[in-house]
Each structure stands twice: as structure tokens, then as C-alpha cells.
Amino acid sequence: MSLMILTRSQDVGGIAIALDMVAMATNIEGLYAAVKFLVCIVKSDARAALEMEKAKGYQVLPTCV
């Protein structure tokens, strides 16, 4: 199941979707779920990890919260 989610996340925008989910979180539970989703993608997919570095997602992440 997680492989399918990872594949689909690349189809719909990659880490940008996960970063948007972090930015749109309205409560602690939503923020936790969004960050967990982002971490899962980055840890499980080398392309996503490279995309995160290329987009400077690690620097952008604190500004999303």
C-alpha cells in the first residue's frame, strides 16, 4: 500500500503536495499526519529525497508551520 502511495505522490506533484499538506494543517493532528506523510515519502523514495533537496524543502518546511 505505501509503495502505491509513493508512486501516486510523484504522479500528482511529489513533495510539493506533502509540503502543502503541512502548510494547510489546522491542528496538531493534521500537522502530525502531514509531516509523517512527508517523512515517509522522503525516506522511502530516493527521487523524493533528491526533489526535497533540490527544492530546498528542508529550509522551506519550518516556514510552512
PDB file of N, CA and C in Angstrom:
ATOM      1  N   MET A   1       0.823  -1.191   0.000  1.00  0.00           N
ATOM      2  CA  MET A   1       0.000   0.000   0.000  1.00  0.00           C
ATOM      3  C   MET A   1       0.868   1.256   0.000  1.00  0.00           C
ATOM      4  N   SER A   2       1.924   1.322   0.841  1.00  0.00           N
ATOM      5  CA  SER A   2       2.751   2.530   0.896  1.00  0.00           C
ATOM      6  C   SER A   2       3.474   2.763  -0.424  1.00  0.00           C
ATOM      7  N   LEU A   3       3.859   1.689  -1.124  1.00  0.00           N
ATOM      8  CA  LEU A   3       4.512   1.846  -2.431  1.00  0.00           C
ATOM      9  C   LEU A   3       3.554   2.514  -3.406  1.00  0.00           C
ATOM     10  N   MET A   4       2.282   2.129  -3.353  1.00  0.00           N
ATOM     11  CA  MET A   4       1.295   2.738  -4.227  1.00  0.00           C
ATOM     12  C   MET A   4       1.147   4.229  -3.914  1.00  0.00           C
ATOM     13  N   ILE A   5       1.133   4.586  -2.645  1.00  0.00           N
ATOM     14  CA  ILE A   5       1.023   5.991  -2.253  1.00  0.00           C
ATOM     15  C   ILE A   5       2.232   6.766  -2.736  1.00  0.00           C
ATOM     16  N   LEU A   6       3.420   6.186  -2.592  1.00  0.00           N
ATOM     17  CA  LEU A   6       4.632   6.860  -3.044  1.00  0.00           C
ATOM     18  C   LEU A   6       4.617   7.078  -4.551  1.00  0.00           C
ATOM     19  N   THR A   7       4.196   6.066  -5.296  1.00  0.00           N
ATOM     20  CA  THR A   7       4.126   6.190  -6.749  1.00  0.00           C
ATOM     21  C   THR A   7       3.118   7.255  -7.135  1.00  0.00           C
ATOM     22  N   ARG A   8       1.982   7.262  -6.509  1.00  0.00           N
ATOM     23  CA  ARG A   8       0.940   8.238  -6.822  1.00  0.00           C
ATOM     24  C   ARG A   8       1.359   9.642  -6.408  1.00  0.00           C
ATOM     25  N   SER A   9       2.105   9.776  -5.326  1.00  0.00           N
ATOM     26  CA  SER A   9       2.531  11.111  -4.907  1.00  0.00           C
ATOM     27  C   SER A   9       3.420  11.747  -5.969  1.00  0.00           C
ATOM     28  N   GLN A  10       4.246  10.964  -6.633  1.00  0.00           N
ATOM     29  CA  GLN A  10       5.076  11.501  -7.715  1.00  0.00           C
ATOM     30  C   GLN A  10       4.209  11.905  -8.907  1.00  0.00           C
ATOM     31  N   ASP A  11       3.124  11.158  -9.131  1.00  0.00           N
ATOM     32  CA  ASP A  11       2.235  11.458 -10.253  1.00  0.00           C
ATOM     33  C   ASP A  11       1.511  12.789 -10.071  1.00  0.00           C
ATOM     34  N   VAL A  12       1.237  13.177  -8.829  1.00  0.00           N
ATOM     35  CA  VAL A  12       0.422  14.368  -8.596  1.00  0.00           C
ATOM     36  C   VAL A  12       1.202  15.574  -8.100  1.00  0.00           C
ATOM     37  N   GLY A  13       2.515  15.482  -8.042  1.00  0.00           N
ATOM     38  CA  GLY A  13       3.267  16.668  -7.669  1.00  0.00           C
ATOM     39  C   GLY A  13       4.400  16.438  -6.698  1.00  0.00           C
ATOM     40  N   GLY A  14       4.607  15.210  -6.292  1.00  0.00           N
ATOM     41  CA  GLY A  14       5.743  14.886  -5.434  1.00  0.00           C
ATOM     42  C   GLY A  14       5.688  15.553  -4.071  1.00  0.00           C
ATOM     43  N   ILE A  15       6.841  16.038  -3.630  1.00  0.00           N
ATOM     44  CA  ILE A  15       6.929  16.600  -2.284  1.00  0.00           C
ATOM     45  C   ILE A  15       6.149  17.888  -2.123  1.00  0.00           C
ATOM     46  N   ALA A  16       5.856  18.558  -3.234  1.00  0.00           N
ATOM     47  CA  ALA A  16       5.076  19.799  -3.145  1.00  0.00           C
ATOM     48  C   ALA A  16       3.721  19.536  -2.498  1.00  0.00           C
ATOM     49  N   ILE A  17       3.124  18.408  -2.819  1.00  0.00           N
ATOM     50  CA  ILE A  17       1.828  18.051  -2.226  1.00  0.00           C
ATOM     51  C   ILE A  17       1.981  17.868  -0.724  1.00  0.00           C
ATOM     52  N   ALA A  18       3.020  17.144  -0.309  1.00  0.00           N
ATOM     53  CA  ALA A  18       3.231  16.910   1.119  1.00  0.00           C
ATOM     54  C   ALA A  18       3.541  18.216   1.847  1.00  0.00           C
ATOM     55  N   LEU A  19       4.345  19.088   1.258  1.00  0.00           N
ATOM     56  CA  LEU A  19       4.635  20.383   1.878  1.00  0.00           C
ATOM     57  C   LEU A  19       3.374  21.242   1.967  1.00  0.00           C
ATOM     58  N   ASP A  20       2.533  21.162   0.951  1.00  0.00           N
ATOM     59  CA  ASP A  20       1.256  21.889   1.001  1.00  0.00           C
ATOM     60  C   ASP A  20       0.373  21.357   2.124  1.00  0.00           C
ATOM     61  N   MET A  21       0.385  20.036   2.316  1.00  0.00           N
ATOM     62  CA  MET A  21      -0.404  19.455   3.401  1.00  0.00           C
ATOM     63  C   MET A  21       0.082  19.965   4.752  1.00  0.00           C
ATOM     64  N   VAL A  22       1.396  20.087   4.911  1.00  0.00           N
ATOM     65  CA  VAL A  22       1.955  20.636   6.147  1.00  0.00           C
ATOM     66  C   VAL A  22       1.490  22.077   6.331  1.00  0.00           C
ATOM     67  N   ALA A  23       1.564  22.848   5.267  1.00  0.00           N
ATOM     68  CA  ALA A  23       1.181  24.255   5.352  1.00  0.00           C
ATOM     69  C   ALA A  23      -0.305  24.438   5.654  1.00  0.00           C
ATOM     70  N   MET A  24      -1.135  23.521   5.189  1.00  0.00           N
ATOM     71  CA  MET A  24      -2.579  23.655   5.368  1.00  0.00           C
ATOM     72  C   MET A  24      -3.094  23.031   6.663  1.00  0.00           C
ATOM     73  N   ALA A  25      -2.224  22.386   7.422  1.00  0.00           N
ATOM     74  CA  ALA A  25      -2.671  21.748   8.671  1.00  0.00           C
ATOM     75  C   ALA A  25      -3.250  22.801   9.611  1.00  0.00           C
ATOM     76  N   THR A  26      -4.408  22.492  10.157  1.00  0.00           N
ATOM     77  CA  THR A  26      -5.089  23.454  11.024  1.00  0.00           C
ATOM     78  C   THR A  26      -5.041  23.064  12.498  1.00  0.00           C
ATOM     79  N   ASN A  27      -4.555  21.844  12.771  1.00  0.00           N
ATOM     80  CA  ASN A  27      -4.434  21.421  14.166  1.00  0.00           C
ATOM     81  C   ASN A  27      -3.238  20.484  14.298  1.00  0.00           C
ATOM     82  N   ILE A  28      -2.926  20.125  15.504  1.00  0.00           N
ATOM     83  CA  ILE A  28      -1.728  19.310  15.765  1.00  0.00           C
ATOM     84  C   ILE A  28      -1.832  17.927  15.129  1.00  0.00           C
ATOM     85  N   GLU A  29      -3.034  17.368  15.093  1.00  0.00           N
ATOM     86  CA  GLU A  29      -3.208  16.041  14.492  1.00  0.00           C
ATOM     87  C   GLU A  29      -2.973  16.098  12.985  1.00  0.00           C
ATOM     88  N   GLY A  30      -3.477  17.138  12.343  1.00  0.00           N
ATOM     89  CA  GLY A  30      -3.257  17.313  10.907  1.00  0.00           C
ATOM     90  C   GLY A  30      -1.801  17.571  10.583  1.00  0.00           C
ATOM     91  N   LEU A  31      -1.143  18.358  11.419  1.00  0.00           N
ATOM     92  CA  LEU A  31       0.277  18.637  11.224  1.00  0.00           C
ATOM     93  C   LEU A  31       1.097  17.365  11.380  1.00  0.00           C
ATOM     94  N   TYR A  32       0.781  16.572  12.402  1.00  0.00           N
ATOM     95  CA  TYR A  32       1.487  15.310  12.627  1.00  0.00           C
ATOM     96  C   TYR A  32       1.326  14.389  11.417  1.00  0.00           C
ATOM     97  N   ALA A  33       0.094  14.249  10.927  1.00  0.00           N
ATOM     98  CA  ALA A  33      -0.168  13.364   9.787  1.00  0.00           C
ATOM     99  C   ALA A  33       0.569  13.851   8.538  1.00  0.00           C
ATOM    100  N   ALA A  34       0.561  15.153   8.296  1.00  0.00           N
ATOM    101  CA  ALA A  34       1.219  15.698   7.109  1.00  0.00           C
ATOM    102  C   ALA A  34       2.735  15.524   7.171  1.00  0.00           C
ATOM    103  N   VAL A  35       3.329  15.787   8.328  1.00  0.00           N
ATOM    104  CA  VAL A  35       4.783  15.613   8.475  1.00  0.00           C
ATOM    105  C   VAL A  35       5.148  14.143   8.367  1.00  0.00           C
ATOM    106  N   LYS A  36       4.332  13.276   8.951  1.00  0.00           N
ATOM    107  CA  LYS A  36       4.595  11.834   8.861  1.00  0.00           C
ATOM    108  C   LYS A  36       4.531  11.383   7.402  1.00  0.00           C
ATOM    109  N   PHE A  37       3.564  11.883   6.650  1.00  0.00           N
ATOM    110  CA  PHE A  37       3.450  11.567   5.231  1.00  0.00           C
ATOM    111  C   PHE A  37       4.695  12.035   4.471  1.00  0.00           C
ATOM    112  N   LEU A  38       5.130  13.253   4.736  1.00  0.00           N
ATOM    113  CA  LEU A  38       6.321  13.798   4.085  1.00  0.00           C
ATOM    114  C   LEU A  38       7.554  12.957   4.408  1.00  0.00           C
ATOM    115  N   VAL A  39       7.723  12.615   5.664  1.00  0.00           N
ATOM    116  CA  VAL A  39       8.878  11.807   6.077  1.00  0.00           C
ATOM    117  C   VAL A  39       8.840  10.440   5.408  1.00  0.00           C
ATOM    118  N   CYS A  40       7.661   9.834   5.345  1.00  0.00           N
ATOM    119  CA  CYS A  40       7.518   8.529   4.688  1.00  0.00           C
ATOM    120  C   CYS A  40       7.947   8.597   3.228  1.00  0.00           C
ATOM    121  N   ILE A  41       7.508   9.627   2.548  1.00  0.00           N
ATOM    122  CA  ILE A  41       7.858   9.782   1.131  1.00  0.00           C
ATOM    123  C   ILE A  41       9.362   9.955   0.971  1.00  0.00           C
ATOM    124  N   VAL A  42       9.947  10.844   1.753  1.00  0.00           N
ATOM    125  CA  VAL A  42      11.374  11.156   1.608  1.00  0.00           C
ATOM    126  C   VAL A  42      12.249   9.963   1.989  1.00  0.00           C
ATOM    127  N   LYS A  43      11.868   9.234   3.037  1.00  0.00           N
ATOM    128  CA  LYS A  43      12.671   8.085   3.472  1.00  0.00           C
ATOM    129  C   LYS A  43      12.548   6.889   2.534  1.00  0.00           C
ATOM    130  N   SER A  44      11.423   6.787   1.841  1.00  0.00           N
ATOM    131  CA  SER A  44      11.162   5.595   1.041  1.00  0.00           C
ATOM    132  C   SER A  44      11.447   5.764  -0.447  1.00  0.00           C
ATOM    133  N   ASP A  45      11.668   6.980  -0.898  1.00  0.00           N
ATOM    134  CA  ASP A  45      11.823   7.216  -2.328  1.00  0.00           C
ATOM    135  C   ASP A  45      13.011   8.149  -2.573  1.00  0.00           C
ATOM    136  N   ALA A  46      14.022   7.622  -3.219  1.00  0.00           N
ATOM    137  CA  ALA A  46      15.236   8.400  -3.484  1.00  0.00           C
ATOM    138  C   ALA A  46      14.934   9.629  -4.344  1.00  0.00           C
ATOM    139  N   ARG A  47      14.000   9.489  -5.287  1.00  0.00           N
ATOM    140  CA  ARG A  47      13.635  10.639  -6.128  1.00  0.00           C
ATOM    141  C   ARG A  47      13.038  11.760  -5.294  1.00  0.00           C
ATOM    142  N   ALA A  48      12.203  11.381  -4.328  1.00  0.00           N
ATOM    143  CA  ALA A  48      11.582  12.383  -3.461  1.00  0.00           C
ATOM    144  C   ALA A  48      12.633  13.059  -2.585  1.00  0.00           C
ATOM    145  N   ALA A  49      13.594  12.286  -2.098  1.00  0.00           N
ATOM    146  CA  ALA A  49      14.657  12.869  -1.280  1.00  0.00           C
ATOM    147  C   ALA A  49      15.472  13.872  -2.101  1.00  0.00           C
ATOM    148  N   LEU A  50      15.781  13.526  -3.328  1.00  0.00           N
ATOM    149  CA  LEU A  50      16.511  14.449  -4.201  1.00  0.00           C
ATOM    150  C   LEU A  50      15.674  15.681  -4.516  1.00  0.00           C
ATOM    151  N   GLU A  51      14.396  15.465  -4.754  1.00  0.00           N
ATOM    152  CA  GLU A  51      13.495  16.586  -5.033  1.00  0.00           C
ATOM    153  C   GLU A  51      13.406  17.519  -3.828  1.00  0.00           C
ATOM    154  N   MET A  52      13.381  16.932  -2.633  1.00  0.00           N
ATOM    155  CA  MET A  52      13.307  17.729  -1.403  1.00  0.00           C
ATOM    156  C   MET A  52      14.563  18.598  -1.273  1.00  0.00           C
ATOM    157  N   GLU A  53      15.724  18.032  -1.569  1.00  0.00           N
ATOM    158  CA  GLU A  53      16.971  18.797  -1.501  1.00  0.00           C
ATOM    159  C   GLU A  53      17.028  19.863  -2.594  1.00  0.00           C
ATOM    160  N   LYS A  54      16.642  19.480  -3.802  1.00  0.00           N
ATOM    161  CA  LYS A  54      16.698  20.409  -4.940  1.00  0.00           C
ATOM    162  C   LYS A  54      15.761  21.605  -4.722  1.00  0.00           C
ATOM    163  N   ALA A  55      14.598  21.349  -4.153  1.00  0.00           N
ATOM    164  CA  ALA A  55      13.613  22.406  -3.925  1.00  0.00           C
ATOM    165  C   ALA A  55      13.868  23.163  -2.622  1.00  0.00           C
ATOM    166  N   LYS A  56      14.940  22.777  -1.926  1.00  0.00           N
ATOM    167  CA  LYS A  56      15.254  23.369  -0.626  1.00  0.00           C
ATOM    168  C   LYS A  56      14.075  23.211   0.342  1.00  0.00           C
ATOM    169  N   GLY A  57      13.440  22.049   0.245  1.00  0.00           N
ATOM    170  CA  GLY A  57      12.276  21.754   1.072  1.00  0.00           C
ATOM    171  C   GLY A  57      12.576  21.730   2.555  1.00  0.00           C
ATOM    172  N   TYR A  58      13.790  21.346   2.909  1.00  0.00           N
ATOM    173  CA  TYR A  58      14.156  21.320   4.332  1.00  0.00           C
ATOM    174  C   TYR A  58      14.214  22.742   4.902  1.00  0.00           C
ATOM    175  N   GLN A  59      14.591  23.706   4.082  1.00  0.00           N
ATOM    176  CA  GLN A  59      14.611  25.098   4.537  1.00  0.00           C
ATOM    177  C   GLN A  59      13.215  25.695   4.520  1.00  0.00           C
ATOM    178  N   VAL A  60      12.376  25.266   3.615  1.00  0.00           N
ATOM    179  CA  VAL A  60      11.021  25.774   3.482  1.00  0.00           C
ATOM    180  C   VAL A  60      10.117  25.205   4.571  1.00  0.00           C
ATOM    181  N   LEU A  61      10.373  23.986   4.972  1.00  0.00           N
ATOM    182  CA  LEU A  61       9.494  23.289   5.934  1.00  0.00           C
ATOM    183  C   LEU A  61       9.192  24.099   7.189  1.00  0.00           C
ATOM    184  N   PRO A  62      10.177  24.709   7.858  1.00  0.00           N
ATOM    185  CA  PRO A  62       9.837  25.482   9.068  1.00  0.00           C
ATOM    186  C   PRO A  62       8.929  26.666   8.794  1.00  0.00           C
ATOM    187  N   THR A  63       8.958  27.220   7.592  1.00  0.00           N
ATOM    188  CA  THR A  63       8.089  28.349   7.290  1.00  0.00           C
ATOM    189  C   THR A  63       6.665  27.915   7.003  1.00  0.00           C
ATOM    190  N   CYS A  64       6.468  26.621   6.740  1.00  0.00           N
ATOM    191  CA  CYS A  64       5.124  26.101   6.482  1.00  0.00           C
ATOM    192  C   CYS A  64       4.318  26.002   7.761  1.00  0.00           C
ATOM    193  N   VAL A  65       5.000  25.807   8.858  1.00  0.00           N
ATOM    194  CA  VAL A  65       4.307  25.538  10.129  1.00  0.00           C
ATOM    195  C   VAL A  65       3.912  26.788  10.826  1.00  0.00           C
TER     196      VAL A  65
END
